[in-house]
């Protein structure tokens, strides 16, 4: 905890203690001499004695801290503001720099700084002869040619991020860049006094009628965001179609949208020409993908190219009131999955739960999906569906389930297929539950929603009733359909279901007992009730082929 740890001279510790004890809260500028002296001693030790890497790093950290102390003691306050929150790598942005010194004495303002990748007008708001006695008030024009994004998302990654080498990979947030730096000399009677620096990221401020003053960083973006309208395309035969939008992130965007296809696929020869007049406007394109006999799966990649630059990524923004907006990018590509899958379902109702992409996945199977509104549902309208799927945690999050649930069971009695995805039965300290009905009445016969789950996505399945229609019609499900799954097999499996339900699959994490409640089914009246804890909400958006084949079986109507 002391400088002795890195074998630094004792004078550093002594000078540090003197700096703290002599601080005058009413005259913070009186600390300048001691700050400068301590910084010089640390610099000499680092430069002349070549300490270990640990010592060198601590020298850098404490020198930066001393610079921040000098800036705080000087009372120099300034900010650099832009009138917009985004700037493309092609654009020049105007930055208004304003500020003032808070202490009575004058400060010497020598120059301004810039970050790597930023080109500045050769226009300074200070010179070596300028004494800052009043406000800083000037305008810079900035061109930044490096896209700003979290460094840990720059490279392709799986379970681990591929971070760049160097000290940047230990920083928990993005370094504010571009930024403006002011160099100032607090001592007016000397010309060789080492400068200190105050810096500010370039920000955008505005006033919201409800939230008041809002502030966010200025992000440097590519010239365009290329936005495929789906992440996964399940190709079930014949020509496929993919719709892609190009959003201009600069004015007067012109160029061409190109596509790179997996082996065995072709497309039409017509050019997709981009011509967008204004920033944030979009243009839509549809690509036809034609398979040959040996067409393979893989990524379909899109790239915009034009006079202002190239772009092959999709911009995403995370914006909540309690945090600074964050921007990140994903590759502009679609996972193309050629798949032999059949379904006899034509029209499926979907009850929204806590949020998932299963409805969009069902549409990939050629199924028409319509959302069921619990408050307005009537039995005669439900009977038009070949199947009804209940979204994850719908019974926890959708208050209308209390009225809808009896209708769903009557729908099953009269021949419908009801697929209920996982729900939870948490108990809070008050003893209350957010489950909208008595959990024991979820199915036509009582069962318990347990806590069982299988988190190893490679866990081998055991088919408990291999001849059951759900494992054979219209697709024959085999162990191969459980290859390539992501994150987990499933969660919140059913338990205590007795003999009224038929369990279809058992599996387990290594070293644990098999669980057989991931997929249970019961015939009820003329129809079929299914409860599943299988994580279809993860597998279908990820384009897992076997998950599509199994889910197609679940929603296919029962045949006598």
Protein backbone atom coordinates (compact mmCIF):
# COMPACT_ATOMS: atom_id res chain seq x y z
CA UNK A 1 0.00 0.00 0.00
CA UNK A 2 3.06 2.27 -0.05
CA UNK A 3 5.66 3.33 -2.59
CA UNK A 4 8.08 0.93 -0.93
CA UNK A 5 6.23 -1.87 -2.64
CA UNK A 6 7.73 -0.83 -6.00
CA UNK A 7 11.09 0.21 -4.51
CA UNK A 8 10.51 3.90 -5.22
CA UNK A 9 12.55 6.58 -3.40
CA UNK A 10 11.20 7.53 0.04
CA UNK A 11 10.90 11.16 -1.08
CA UNK A 12 7.80 10.24 -3.13
CA UNK A 13 5.93 9.08 -0.06
CA UNK A 14 7.12 12.07 1.97
CA UNK A 15 6.10 14.57 -0.71
CA UNK A 16 2.71 12.84 -1.08
CA UNK A 17 2.03 13.23 2.66
CA UNK A 18 3.07 16.90 2.57
CA UNK A 19 0.74 17.55 -0.36
CA UNK A 20 -2.22 16.16 1.59
CA UNK A 21 -1.50 17.84 4.93
CA UNK A 22 -0.78 21.28 3.43
CA UNK A 23 -3.91 21.48 1.28
CA UNK A 24 -5.84 24.72 1.86
CA UNK A 25 -9.48 24.29 0.90
CA UNK A 26 -9.97 28.05 0.53
CA UNK A 27 -6.85 28.47 -1.66
CA UNK A 28 -6.47 25.21 -3.65
CA UNK A 29 -4.10 26.89 -6.14
CA UNK A 30 -1.46 27.06 -3.40
CA UNK A 31 -0.91 23.31 -3.95
CA UNK A 32 0.46 23.80 -7.47
CA UNK A 33 4.09 23.92 -6.41
CA UNK A 34 3.89 20.68 -4.43
CA UNK A 35 1.91 18.95 -7.20
CA UNK A 36 4.52 19.96 -9.75
CA UNK A 37 7.40 18.92 -7.47
CA UNK A 38 5.89 15.49 -6.79
CA UNK A 39 5.12 14.90 -10.44
CA UNK A 40 8.71 15.78 -11.36
CA UNK A 41 10.15 13.35 -8.78
CA UNK A 42 7.96 10.51 -10.07
CA UNK A 43 8.90 11.30 -13.69
CA UNK A 44 12.62 11.30 -12.85
CA UNK A 45 12.34 7.97 -11.04
CA UNK A 46 10.47 6.39 -13.96
CA UNK A 47 12.76 7.80 -16.66
CA UNK A 48 16.15 7.44 -14.98
CA UNK A 49 15.90 4.31 -12.83
CA UNK A 50 13.89 2.08 -15.18
CA UNK A 51 11.66 0.49 -12.53
CA UNK A 52 9.82 -2.79 -12.99
CA UNK A 53 6.67 -2.82 -15.06
CA UNK A 54 4.62 -2.65 -11.87
CA UNK A 55 6.54 0.42 -10.74
CA UNK A 56 6.33 2.03 -14.17
CA UNK A 57 2.56 1.47 -14.28
CA UNK A 58 2.07 2.98 -10.83
CA UNK A 59 4.15 5.94 -11.90
CA UNK A 60 1.82 6.47 -14.88
CA UNK A 61 -1.31 6.12 -12.75
CA UNK A 62 -0.14 8.59 -10.11
CA UNK A 63 1.13 11.09 -12.69
CA UNK A 64 -2.31 11.10 -14.27
CA UNK A 65 -3.87 11.54 -10.83
CA UNK A 66 -1.60 14.51 -10.12
CA UNK A 67 -2.60 16.08 -13.43
CA UNK A 68 -6.25 15.71 -12.43
CA UNK A 69 -5.47 17.29 -9.06
CA UNK A 70 -3.83 20.25 -10.76
CA UNK A 71 -6.82 20.67 -13.05
CA UNK A 72 -9.22 20.55 -10.09
CA UNK A 73 -7.14 23.00 -8.05
CA UNK A 74 -6.99 25.42 -10.96
CA UNK A 75 -10.76 25.62 -11.15
CA UNK A 76 -10.67 25.47 -14.95
CA UNK A 77 -14.11 24.36 -16.09
CA UNK A 78 -14.95 23.83 -19.73
CA UNK A 79 -17.02 21.67 -22.03
CA UNK A 80 -17.03 20.80 -25.72
CA UNK A 81 -20.51 20.50 -27.23
CA UNK A 82 -21.79 19.46 -30.64
CA UNK A 83 -25.26 20.18 -31.96
CA UNK A 84 -25.80 16.53 -32.83
CA UNK A 85 -25.16 13.20 -31.16
CA UNK A 86 -23.75 11.29 -34.15
CA UNK A 87 -21.09 12.05 -36.71
CA UNK A 88 -20.06 9.71 -39.50
CA UNK A 89 -16.44 9.02 -40.38
CA UNK A 90 -16.89 11.21 -43.46
CA UNK A 91 -18.46 14.24 -41.80
CA UNK A 92 -17.00 17.30 -40.19
CA UNK A 93 -18.67 18.31 -36.94
CA UNK A 94 -18.68 21.71 -35.33
CA UNK A 95 -17.66 21.73 -31.66
CA UNK A 96 -18.38 24.70 -29.42
CA UNK A 97 -15.81 24.98 -26.61
CA UNK A 98 -16.73 27.15 -23.64
CA UNK A 99 -15.41 27.49 -20.11
CA UNK A 100 -13.94 29.71 -17.41
CA UNK A 101 -11.44 29.65 -14.50
CA UNK A 102 -12.96 29.62 -11.03
CA UNK A 103 -10.00 30.99 -9.07
CA UNK A 104 -9.07 34.67 -8.90
CA UNK A 105 -5.58 34.42 -10.33
CA UNK A 106 -4.92 34.23 -14.03
CA UNK A 107 -4.13 30.99 -15.84
CA UNK A 108 -1.83 30.58 -18.80
CA UNK A 109 -3.56 28.77 -21.66
CA UNK A 110 -1.04 27.42 -24.13
CA UNK A 111 -2.77 25.15 -26.64
CA UNK A 112 -5.43 22.53 -27.15
CA UNK A 113 -5.07 18.82 -27.67
CA UNK A 114 -6.68 16.14 -29.78
CA UNK A 115 -7.05 12.38 -29.62
CA UNK A 116 -5.60 9.92 -32.10
CA UNK A 117 -7.68 9.64 -35.24
CA UNK A 118 -8.99 13.20 -35.03
CA UNK A 119 -8.15 15.82 -37.61
CA UNK A 120 -8.56 19.38 -36.39
CA UNK A 121 -8.70 22.71 -38.12
CA UNK A 122 -5.44 24.48 -37.47
CA UNK A 123 -7.36 26.97 -35.42
CA UNK A 124 -6.31 27.54 -31.84
CA UNK A 125 -8.17 29.37 -29.13
CA UNK A 126 -4.97 30.07 -27.22
CA UNK A 127 -1.32 30.89 -27.72
CA UNK A 128 1.81 30.98 -25.61
CA UNK A 129 1.15 34.63 -24.80
CA UNK A 130 -2.48 34.27 -23.79
CA UNK A 131 -3.53 34.74 -20.21
CA UNK A 132 -6.91 33.30 -19.50
CA UNK A 133 -8.83 35.75 -17.33
CA UNK A 134 -12.33 35.27 -18.64
CA UNK A 135 -14.35 32.75 -20.60
CA UNK A 136 -13.12 30.27 -23.15
CA UNK A 137 -15.40 30.69 -26.15
CA UNK A 138 -14.44 29.26 -29.53
CA UNK A 139 -15.46 26.79 -32.21
CA UNK A 140 -13.53 23.83 -33.60
CA UNK A 141 -14.31 21.71 -36.64
CA UNK A 142 -13.53 18.04 -36.17
CA UNK A 143 -13.23 15.07 -38.52
CA UNK A 144 -12.85 11.68 -36.83
CA UNK A 145 -12.10 8.71 -39.05
CA UNK A 146 -12.39 5.91 -36.49
CA UNK A 147 -15.75 4.38 -35.55
CA UNK A 148 -16.40 4.59 -31.81
CA UNK A 149 -17.64 1.37 -30.19
CA UNK A 150 -16.89 -0.74 -27.10
CA UNK A 151 -13.45 -2.23 -27.65
CA UNK A 152 -14.57 -5.62 -26.33
CA UNK A 153 -17.16 -5.90 -29.14
CA UNK A 154 -14.89 -4.92 -32.02
CA UNK A 155 -13.81 -8.47 -32.84
CA UNK A 156 -15.92 -11.61 -33.41
CA UNK A 157 -16.47 -13.44 -30.14
CA UNK A 158 -18.19 -16.41 -28.62
CA UNK A 159 -18.20 -17.08 -24.90
CA UNK A 160 -15.08 -14.92 -24.44
CA UNK A 161 -14.32 -11.47 -25.83
CA UNK A 162 -11.27 -11.06 -28.06
CA UNK A 163 -9.83 -7.83 -26.67
CA UNK A 164 -6.90 -5.88 -28.15
CA UNK A 165 -3.52 -6.00 -26.45
CA UNK A 166 -2.37 -3.18 -24.23
CA UNK A 167 -3.82 -1.36 -21.25
CA UNK A 168 -7.16 -0.67 -22.96
CA UNK A 169 -8.39 -4.17 -22.20
CA UNK A 170 -8.66 -3.43 -18.47
CA UNK A 171 -10.83 -0.35 -18.81
CA UNK A 172 -14.48 -1.10 -17.91
CA UNK A 173 -16.00 1.61 -20.13
CA UNK A 174 -15.25 3.19 -23.48
CA UNK A 175 -12.63 5.92 -23.43
CA UNK A 176 -14.38 9.18 -24.43
CA UNK A 177 -13.12 9.89 -27.92
CA UNK A 178 -12.93 12.28 -29.63
CA UNK A 179 -12.11 14.70 -26.83
CA UNK A 180 -10.76 18.19 -26.34
CA UNK A 181 -7.79 18.89 -24.07
CA UNK A 182 -6.64 22.23 -22.67
CA UNK A 183 -3.03 22.70 -21.61
CA UNK A 184 -2.51 25.36 -18.96
CA UNK A 185 0.32 26.69 -16.88
CA UNK A 186 -0.73 27.89 -13.44
CA UNK A 187 2.52 29.83 -12.90
CA UNK A 188 2.60 33.08 -14.85
CA UNK A 189 6.15 34.11 -13.97
CA UNK A 190 7.94 31.23 -15.68
CA UNK A 191 8.02 29.87 -19.21
CA UNK A 192 9.48 26.42 -18.52
CA UNK A 193 6.88 25.28 -16.00
CA UNK A 194 5.43 21.90 -16.99
CA UNK A 195 1.94 22.17 -18.38
CA UNK A 196 -1.07 20.46 -16.88
CA UNK A 197 -4.07 19.33 -18.86
CA UNK A 198 -7.83 19.39 -18.52
CA UNK A 199 -9.87 17.33 -20.97
CA UNK A 200 -13.47 16.77 -21.94
CA UNK A 201 -15.19 14.34 -24.26
CA UNK A 202 -17.29 15.91 -27.00
CA UNK A 203 -20.90 15.86 -25.82
CA UNK A 204 -24.37 16.65 -27.07
CA UNK A 205 -26.85 18.44 -24.78
CA UNK A 206 -30.54 19.03 -25.27
CA UNK A 207 -33.65 19.74 -23.24
CA UNK A 208 -36.41 17.15 -22.94
CA UNK A 209 -39.83 18.53 -22.01
CA UNK A 210 -40.24 15.84 -19.33
CA UNK A 211 -36.72 14.85 -18.25
CA UNK A 212 -35.17 18.32 -18.46
CA UNK A 213 -31.55 18.66 -19.56
CA UNK A 214 -30.17 15.51 -21.15
CA UNK A 215 -26.58 14.82 -22.13
CA UNK A 216 -24.88 12.09 -24.13
CA UNK A 217 -21.54 11.44 -25.85
CA UNK A 218 -21.06 12.21 -29.51
CA UNK A 219 -20.49 8.88 -31.27
CA UNK A 220 -18.57 8.50 -34.51
CA UNK A 221 -20.37 6.05 -36.80
CA UNK A 222 -19.87 4.51 -40.23
CA UNK A 223 -21.50 6.35 -43.11
CA UNK A 224 -24.43 3.90 -43.07
CA UNK A 225 -26.11 1.25 -40.98
CA UNK A 226 -26.98 -1.89 -42.97
CA UNK A 227 -30.04 -3.54 -41.39
CA UNK A 228 -31.20 -7.04 -42.44
CA UNK A 229 -34.85 -7.51 -41.42
CA UNK A 230 -34.16 -10.98 -40.02
CA UNK A 231 -31.20 -12.58 -38.28
CA UNK A 232 -31.97 -16.11 -39.48
CA UNK A 233 -33.46 -17.41 -42.72
CA UNK A 234 -34.79 -20.97 -42.67
CA UNK A 235 -34.63 -22.13 -46.28
CA UNK A 236 -37.17 -24.90 -46.80
CA UNK A 237 -36.70 -25.14 -50.57
CA UNK A 238 -36.79 -22.94 -53.65
CA UNK A 239 -35.97 -19.25 -54.01
CA UNK A 240 -35.59 -17.32 -50.77
CA UNK A 241 -36.04 -13.60 -50.13
CA UNK A 242 -34.19 -11.31 -47.73
CA UNK A 243 -35.13 -7.68 -47.14
CA UNK A 244 -32.36 -5.28 -46.13
CA UNK A 245 -32.58 -1.60 -45.22
CA UNK A 246 -29.79 0.93 -45.54
CA UNK A 247 -30.00 3.83 -43.09
CA UNK A 248 -27.94 6.87 -44.02
CA UNK A 249 -25.78 8.18 -41.19
CA UNK A 250 -24.66 11.12 -43.32
CA UNK A 251 -26.41 13.38 -45.81
CA UNK A 252 -26.36 12.68 -49.56
CA UNK A 253 -25.44 9.00 -49.30
CA UNK A 254 -24.93 7.30 -52.65
CA UNK A 255 -23.46 3.96 -53.55
CA UNK A 256 -24.32 0.30 -53.93
CA UNK A 257 -25.45 -2.50 -51.59
CA UNK A 258 -23.59 -5.74 -52.30
CA UNK A 259 -24.15 -9.28 -51.04
CA UNK A 260 -21.81 -12.23 -50.44
CA UNK A 261 -23.52 -15.64 -50.46
CA UNK A 262 -22.66 -19.09 -49.07
CA UNK A 263 -21.50 -21.80 -51.43
CA UNK A 264 -24.14 -22.99 -53.87
CA UNK A 265 -26.34 -19.89 -53.79
CA UNK A 266 -26.89 -17.27 -56.49
CA UNK A 267 -28.82 -14.02 -56.87
CA UNK A 268 -30.09 -11.73 -59.58
CA UNK A 269 -27.72 -9.44 -61.45
CA UNK A 270 -29.63 -6.20 -60.90
CA UNK A 271 -27.67 -3.58 -58.97
CA UNK A 272 -28.97 -2.38 -55.61
CA UNK A 273 -28.25 1.33 -55.93
CA UNK A 274 -28.43 3.47 -52.80
CA UNK A 275 -29.50 7.10 -53.08
CA UNK A 276 -30.57 8.72 -49.80
CA UNK A 277 -30.77 12.48 -49.43
CA UNK A 278 -30.96 12.99 -45.66
CA UNK A 279 -29.31 11.52 -42.60
CA UNK A 280 -31.46 8.88 -40.78
CA UNK A 281 -33.62 8.20 -43.83
CA UNK A 282 -33.79 4.61 -45.09
CA UNK A 283 -33.99 2.73 -48.37
CA UNK A 284 -35.19 -0.86 -48.61
CA UNK A 285 -33.94 -3.64 -50.90
CA UNK A 286 -35.04 -7.26 -51.46
CA UNK A 287 -32.54 -9.91 -52.52
CA UNK A 288 -33.59 -13.16 -54.21
CA UNK A 289 -31.45 -16.13 -53.20
CA UNK A 290 -31.56 -19.09 -55.55
CA UNK A 291 -30.12 -22.43 -54.42
CA UNK A 292 -28.31 -24.98 -56.54
CA UNK A 293 -28.47 -28.70 -55.79
CA UNK A 294 -25.49 -28.48 -53.44
CA UNK A 295 -26.43 -25.23 -51.68
CA UNK A 296 -24.91 -25.02 -48.21
CA UNK A 297 -25.77 -23.05 -45.12
CA UNK A 298 -23.75 -20.11 -43.87
CA UNK A 299 -23.79 -16.35 -43.42
CA UNK A 300 -25.25 -14.03 -46.06
CA UNK A 301 -23.20 -10.83 -45.73
CA UNK A 302 -24.17 -7.35 -46.88
CA UNK A 303 -21.91 -4.34 -47.48
CA UNK A 304 -22.61 -0.81 -48.59
CA UNK A 305 -19.93 0.85 -50.69
CA UNK A 306 -19.91 4.42 -52.00
CA UNK A 307 -17.82 7.56 -52.47
CA UNK A 308 -18.06 8.41 -48.76
CA UNK A 309 -16.92 5.01 -47.53
CA UNK A 310 -18.01 1.47 -46.74
CA UNK A 311 -20.30 -0.02 -44.11
CA UNK A 312 -20.98 -3.65 -43.29
CA UNK A 313 -22.48 -3.44 -39.82
CA UNK A 314 -25.78 -2.70 -38.09
CA UNK A 315 -25.87 0.09 -35.50
CA UNK A 316 -27.71 -0.59 -32.23
CA UNK A 317 -28.37 1.88 -29.43
CA UNK A 318 -29.09 1.16 -25.77
CA UNK A 319 -30.88 4.15 -24.29
CA UNK A 320 -32.42 4.24 -20.82
CA UNK A 321 -33.02 7.31 -18.62
CA UNK A 322 -30.63 6.14 -15.90
CA UNK A 323 -27.54 5.57 -18.07
CA UNK A 324 -25.61 7.30 -20.82
CA UNK A 325 -26.74 6.00 -24.23
CA UNK A 326 -24.47 3.22 -25.52
CA UNK A 327 -23.82 2.35 -29.17
CA UNK A 328 -22.61 -0.99 -30.49
CA UNK A 329 -22.55 -2.82 -33.83
CA UNK A 330 -23.23 -6.29 -35.16
CA UNK A 331 -22.22 -7.71 -38.56
CA UNK A 332 -24.78 -7.03 -41.29
CA UNK A 333 -25.43 -10.66 -42.04
CA UNK A 334 -28.17 -13.28 -42.03
CA UNK A 335 -27.66 -16.88 -40.96
CA UNK A 336 -28.94 -19.00 -43.86
CA UNK A 337 -30.07 -22.47 -42.76
CA UNK A 338 -31.20 -24.92 -45.48
CA UNK A 339 -33.60 -27.20 -43.63
CA UNK A 340 -35.78 -30.18 -44.38
CA UNK A 341 -38.75 -29.34 -42.18
CA UNK A 342 -42.46 -29.86 -42.55
CA UNK A 343 -45.43 -28.55 -40.61
CA UNK A 344 -49.14 -29.13 -41.04
CA UNK A 345 -50.02 -25.97 -39.09
CA UNK A 346 -51.23 -23.10 -41.24
CA UNK A 347 -52.52 -20.57 -38.72
CA UNK A 348 -51.21 -20.21 -35.18
CA UNK A 349 -52.23 -17.90 -32.37
CA UNK A 350 -49.58 -16.49 -30.06
CA UNK A 351 -50.09 -15.13 -26.55
CA UNK A 352 -47.35 -12.64 -25.70
CA UNK A 353 -45.27 -13.33 -22.62
CA UNK A 354 -42.25 -11.56 -21.22
CA UNK A 355 -40.76 -11.14 -24.70
CA UNK A 356 -39.22 -13.50 -27.23
CA UNK A 357 -38.81 -13.97 -30.98
CA UNK A 358 -40.70 -17.25 -31.33
CA UNK A 359 -43.52 -15.71 -33.43
CA UNK A 360 -41.02 -14.52 -36.05
CA UNK A 361 -39.43 -17.98 -36.04
CA UNK A 362 -42.77 -19.68 -36.70
CA UNK A 363 -43.30 -17.40 -39.69
CA UNK A 364 -40.05 -18.83 -41.09
CA UNK A 365 -41.89 -22.17 -41.24
CA UNK A 366 -44.50 -20.66 -43.53
CA UNK A 367 -47.04 -20.34 -40.71
CA UNK A 368 -49.36 -17.36 -40.36
CA UNK A 369 -48.99 -16.05 -36.80
CA UNK A 370 -51.60 -13.85 -35.16
CA UNK A 371 -51.38 -12.40 -31.66
CA UNK A 372 -54.12 -13.29 -29.20
CA UNK A 373 -55.22 -10.46 -26.93
CA UNK A 374 -56.38 -12.07 -23.64
CA UNK A 375 -58.89 -9.34 -22.78
CA UNK A 376 -60.72 -9.60 -26.11
CA UNK A 377 -60.44 -13.33 -26.85
CA UNK A 378 -63.55 -15.43 -27.55
CA UNK A 379 -63.68 -19.19 -27.86
CA UNK A 380 -65.16 -19.21 -31.35
CA UNK A 381 -62.27 -17.04 -32.54
CA UNK A 382 -59.65 -19.25 -30.89
CA UNK A 383 -60.99 -22.33 -32.69
CA UNK A 384 -59.75 -20.98 -36.04
CA UNK A 385 -56.14 -21.68 -35.01
CA UNK A 386 -54.40 -24.97 -35.66
CA UNK A 387 -52.38 -24.32 -32.51
CA UNK A 388 -51.99 -21.66 -29.85
CA UNK A 389 -48.57 -20.97 -28.32
CA UNK A 390 -48.20 -19.19 -24.99
CA UNK A 391 -45.05 -17.06 -24.67
CA UNK A 392 -42.45 -17.48 -21.94
CA UNK A 393 -43.62 -16.37 -18.47
CA UNK A 394 -46.98 -15.20 -19.87
CA UNK A 395 -48.74 -16.46 -16.76
CA UNK A 396 -46.33 -14.35 -14.69
CA UNK A 397 -46.44 -11.14 -16.70
CA UNK A 398 -49.78 -10.98 -18.52
CA UNK A 399 -52.66 -10.16 -16.18
CA UNK A 400 -55.21 -11.11 -18.81
CA UNK A 401 -54.24 -14.79 -18.49
CA UNK A 402 -56.70 -15.21 -15.61
CA UNK A 403 -59.63 -14.68 -17.99
CA UNK A 404 -58.00 -16.32 -21.02
CA UNK A 405 -56.86 -19.56 -19.40
CA UNK A 406 -60.31 -21.23 -19.08
CA UNK A 407 -60.93 -20.48 -22.75
CA UNK A 408 -57.59 -22.09 -23.68
CA UNK A 409 -58.50 -25.34 -21.91
CA UNK A 410 -61.91 -25.37 -23.64
CA UNK A 411 -60.07 -24.73 -26.92
CA UNK A 412 -58.04 -27.91 -26.24
CA UNK A 413 -61.17 -29.90 -25.40
CA UNK A 414 -62.66 -29.01 -28.75
CA UNK A 415 -59.65 -30.17 -30.74
CA UNK A 416 -56.99 -27.46 -30.43
CA UNK A 417 -53.27 -27.85 -29.71
CA UNK A 418 -52.00 -25.68 -26.86
CA UNK A 419 -48.24 -25.24 -26.34
CA UNK A 420 -47.32 -23.55 -23.07
CA UNK A 421 -43.68 -22.44 -22.86
CA UNK A 422 -41.93 -22.18 -19.52
CA UNK A 423 -43.33 -20.14 -16.66
CA UNK A 424 -42.09 -19.72 -13.11
CA UNK A 425 -43.77 -19.95 -9.73
CA UNK A 426 -41.58 -17.68 -7.56
CA UNK A 427 -42.57 -17.00 -4.00
CA UNK A 428 -41.76 -13.60 -2.57
CA UNK A 429 -41.10 -12.79 1.05
CA UNK A 430 -44.73 -11.74 1.43
CA UNK A 431 -45.85 -15.20 0.40
CA UNK A 432 -47.56 -13.78 -2.69
CA UNK A 433 -47.04 -15.09 -6.21
CA UNK A 434 -47.17 -13.27 -9.54
CA UNK A 435 -48.76 -16.32 -11.19
CA UNK A 436 -52.11 -15.18 -12.56
CA UNK A 437 -53.95 -18.45 -11.84
CA UNK A 438 -53.63 -21.35 -9.42
CA UNK A 439 -50.49 -23.04 -10.83
CA UNK A 440 -51.97 -26.50 -10.26
CA UNK A 441 -54.70 -25.67 -12.80
CA UNK A 442 -52.29 -24.73 -15.59
CA UNK A 443 -52.95 -28.00 -17.43
CA UNK A 444 -55.98 -30.25 -17.71
CA UNK A 445 -54.41 -32.32 -14.90
CA UNK A 446 -52.29 -31.04 -11.99
CA UNK A 447 -48.51 -30.82 -12.27
CA UNK A 448 -45.80 -28.67 -10.71
CA UNK A 449 -43.52 -26.17 -12.44
CA UNK A 450 -40.23 -27.11 -10.85
CA UNK A 451 -36.76 -25.58 -10.77
CA UNK A 452 -35.13 -28.28 -12.87
CA UNK A 453 -32.96 -27.17 -15.75
CA UNK A 454 -30.16 -28.50 -17.96
CA UNK A 455 -27.51 -25.89 -18.68
CA UNK A 456 -25.06 -27.97 -20.74
CA UNK A 457 -26.22 -27.53 -24.30
CA UNK A 458 -24.47 -30.73 -25.40
CA UNK A 459 -26.30 -32.91 -22.83
CA UNK A 460 -27.44 -36.02 -24.77
CA UNK A 461 -31.22 -36.59 -24.98
CA UNK A 462 -32.97 -39.82 -24.10
CA UNK A 463 -36.25 -40.39 -25.92
CA UNK A 464 -38.71 -41.77 -23.38
CA UNK A 465 -41.47 -42.56 -25.89
CA UNK A 466 -39.78 -42.77 -29.29
CA UNK A 467 -42.99 -43.67 -31.13
CA UNK A 468 -45.03 -40.74 -29.83
CA UNK A 469 -46.50 -38.59 -32.65
CA UNK A 470 -44.74 -35.44 -31.38
CA UNK A 471 -41.39 -37.11 -32.08
CA UNK A 472 -42.40 -38.45 -35.49
CA UNK A 473 -45.04 -36.29 -37.17
CA UNK A 474 -44.52 -34.56 -39.51
CA UNK A 475 -40.74 -34.69 -38.80
CA UNK A 476 -38.86 -37.66 -37.38
CA UNK A 477 -36.81 -36.35 -34.49
CA UNK A 478 -33.42 -37.97 -33.81
CA UNK A 479 -30.41 -37.26 -31.62
CA UNK A 480 -28.94 -35.27 -34.52
CA UNK A 481 -31.65 -32.65 -34.03
CA UNK A 482 -30.11 -31.77 -30.67
CA UNK A 483 -26.72 -30.85 -32.09
CA UNK A 484 -25.57 -27.23 -32.29
CA UNK A 485 -27.81 -25.93 -29.50
CA UNK A 486 -26.85 -22.74 -27.66
CA UNK A 487 -26.50 -21.83 -23.98
CA UNK A 488 -28.73 -24.55 -22.50
CA UNK A 489 -31.26 -27.29 -23.10
CA UNK A 490 -34.04 -25.85 -21.01
CA UNK A 491 -35.28 -24.56 -17.68
CA UNK A 492 -38.21 -24.70 -15.25
CA UNK A 493 -39.08 -28.26 -16.16
CA UNK A 494 -42.35 -29.85 -15.09
CA UNK A 495 -42.39 -32.22 -12.10
CA UNK A 496 -44.92 -34.23 -10.11
CA UNK A 497 -47.02 -34.83 -13.22
CA UNK A 498 -47.99 -38.42 -12.38
CA UNK A 499 -49.37 -40.70 -15.09
CA UNK A 500 -51.72 -38.24 -16.76
CA UNK A 501 -48.90 -36.73 -18.80
CA UNK A 502 -46.43 -38.42 -21.09
CA UNK A 503 -42.82 -37.22 -20.78
CA UNK A 504 -40.97 -37.41 -24.08
CA UNK A 505 -37.33 -36.47 -23.36
CA UNK A 506 -34.92 -36.94 -20.45
CA UNK A 507 -31.48 -35.39 -20.05
CA UNK A 508 -29.21 -34.10 -17.34
CA UNK A 509 -26.16 -32.01 -16.62
CA UNK A 510 -22.97 -34.00 -15.89
CA UNK A 511 -23.09 -35.70 -12.52
CA UNK A 512 -26.80 -35.01 -11.95
CA UNK A 513 -29.87 -37.23 -12.12
CA UNK A 514 -31.88 -37.25 -15.37
CA UNK A 515 -34.82 -34.85 -15.61
CA UNK A 516 -37.84 -35.90 -17.63
CA UNK A 517 -40.07 -32.80 -17.39
CA UNK A 518 -38.69 -30.76 -20.28
CA UNK A 519 -41.50 -31.80 -22.63
CA UNK A 520 -44.75 -33.33 -21.36
CA UNK A 521 -47.99 -33.88 -23.24
CA UNK A 522 -51.54 -34.90 -22.39
CA UNK A 523 -54.46 -35.57 -24.71
CA UNK A 524 -57.52 -33.70 -23.45
CA UNK A 525 -60.88 -34.05 -25.12
CA UNK A 526 -60.26 -33.85 -28.86
CA UNK A 527 -57.09 -31.83 -28.49
CA UNK A 528 -53.61 -31.82 -26.99
CA UNK A 529 -51.96 -29.88 -24.12
CA UNK A 530 -48.16 -29.47 -24.15
CA UNK A 531 -45.93 -27.91 -21.51
CA UNK A 532 -42.28 -27.40 -22.42
CA UNK A 533 -39.32 -25.97 -20.58
CA UNK A 534 -37.10 -26.44 -23.65
CA UNK A 535 -35.47 -23.09 -24.41
CA UNK A 536 -37.01 -22.62 -27.85
CA UNK A 537 -36.86 -18.88 -27.21
CA UNK A 538 -33.06 -19.18 -27.47
CA UNK A 539 -32.72 -21.91 -30.08
CA UNK A 540 -35.11 -20.59 -32.74
CA UNK A 541 -33.61 -17.07 -33.02
CA UNK A 542 -30.17 -18.71 -33.16
CA UNK A 543 -31.26 -20.78 -36.18
CA UNK A 544 -30.80 -24.22 -34.57
CA UNK A 545 -32.20 -26.62 -37.22
CA UNK A 546 -33.37 -29.37 -34.86
CA UNK A 547 -35.25 -26.90 -32.68
CA UNK A 548 -37.27 -25.79 -35.72
CA UNK A 549 -38.08 -29.40 -36.64
CA UNK A 550 -39.22 -30.25 -33.11
CA UNK A 551 -41.23 -27.04 -32.71
CA UNK A 552 -42.92 -27.69 -36.08
CA UNK A 553 -44.12 -31.01 -34.63
CA UNK A 554 -45.46 -29.33 -31.49
CA UNK A 555 -47.64 -26.84 -33.38
CA UNK A 556 -48.89 -29.32 -35.98
CA UNK A 557 -52.52 -30.15 -35.12
CA UNK A 558 -53.44 -33.51 -33.64
CA UNK A 559 -54.78 -36.08 -36.08
CA UNK A 560 -57.09 -38.86 -34.94
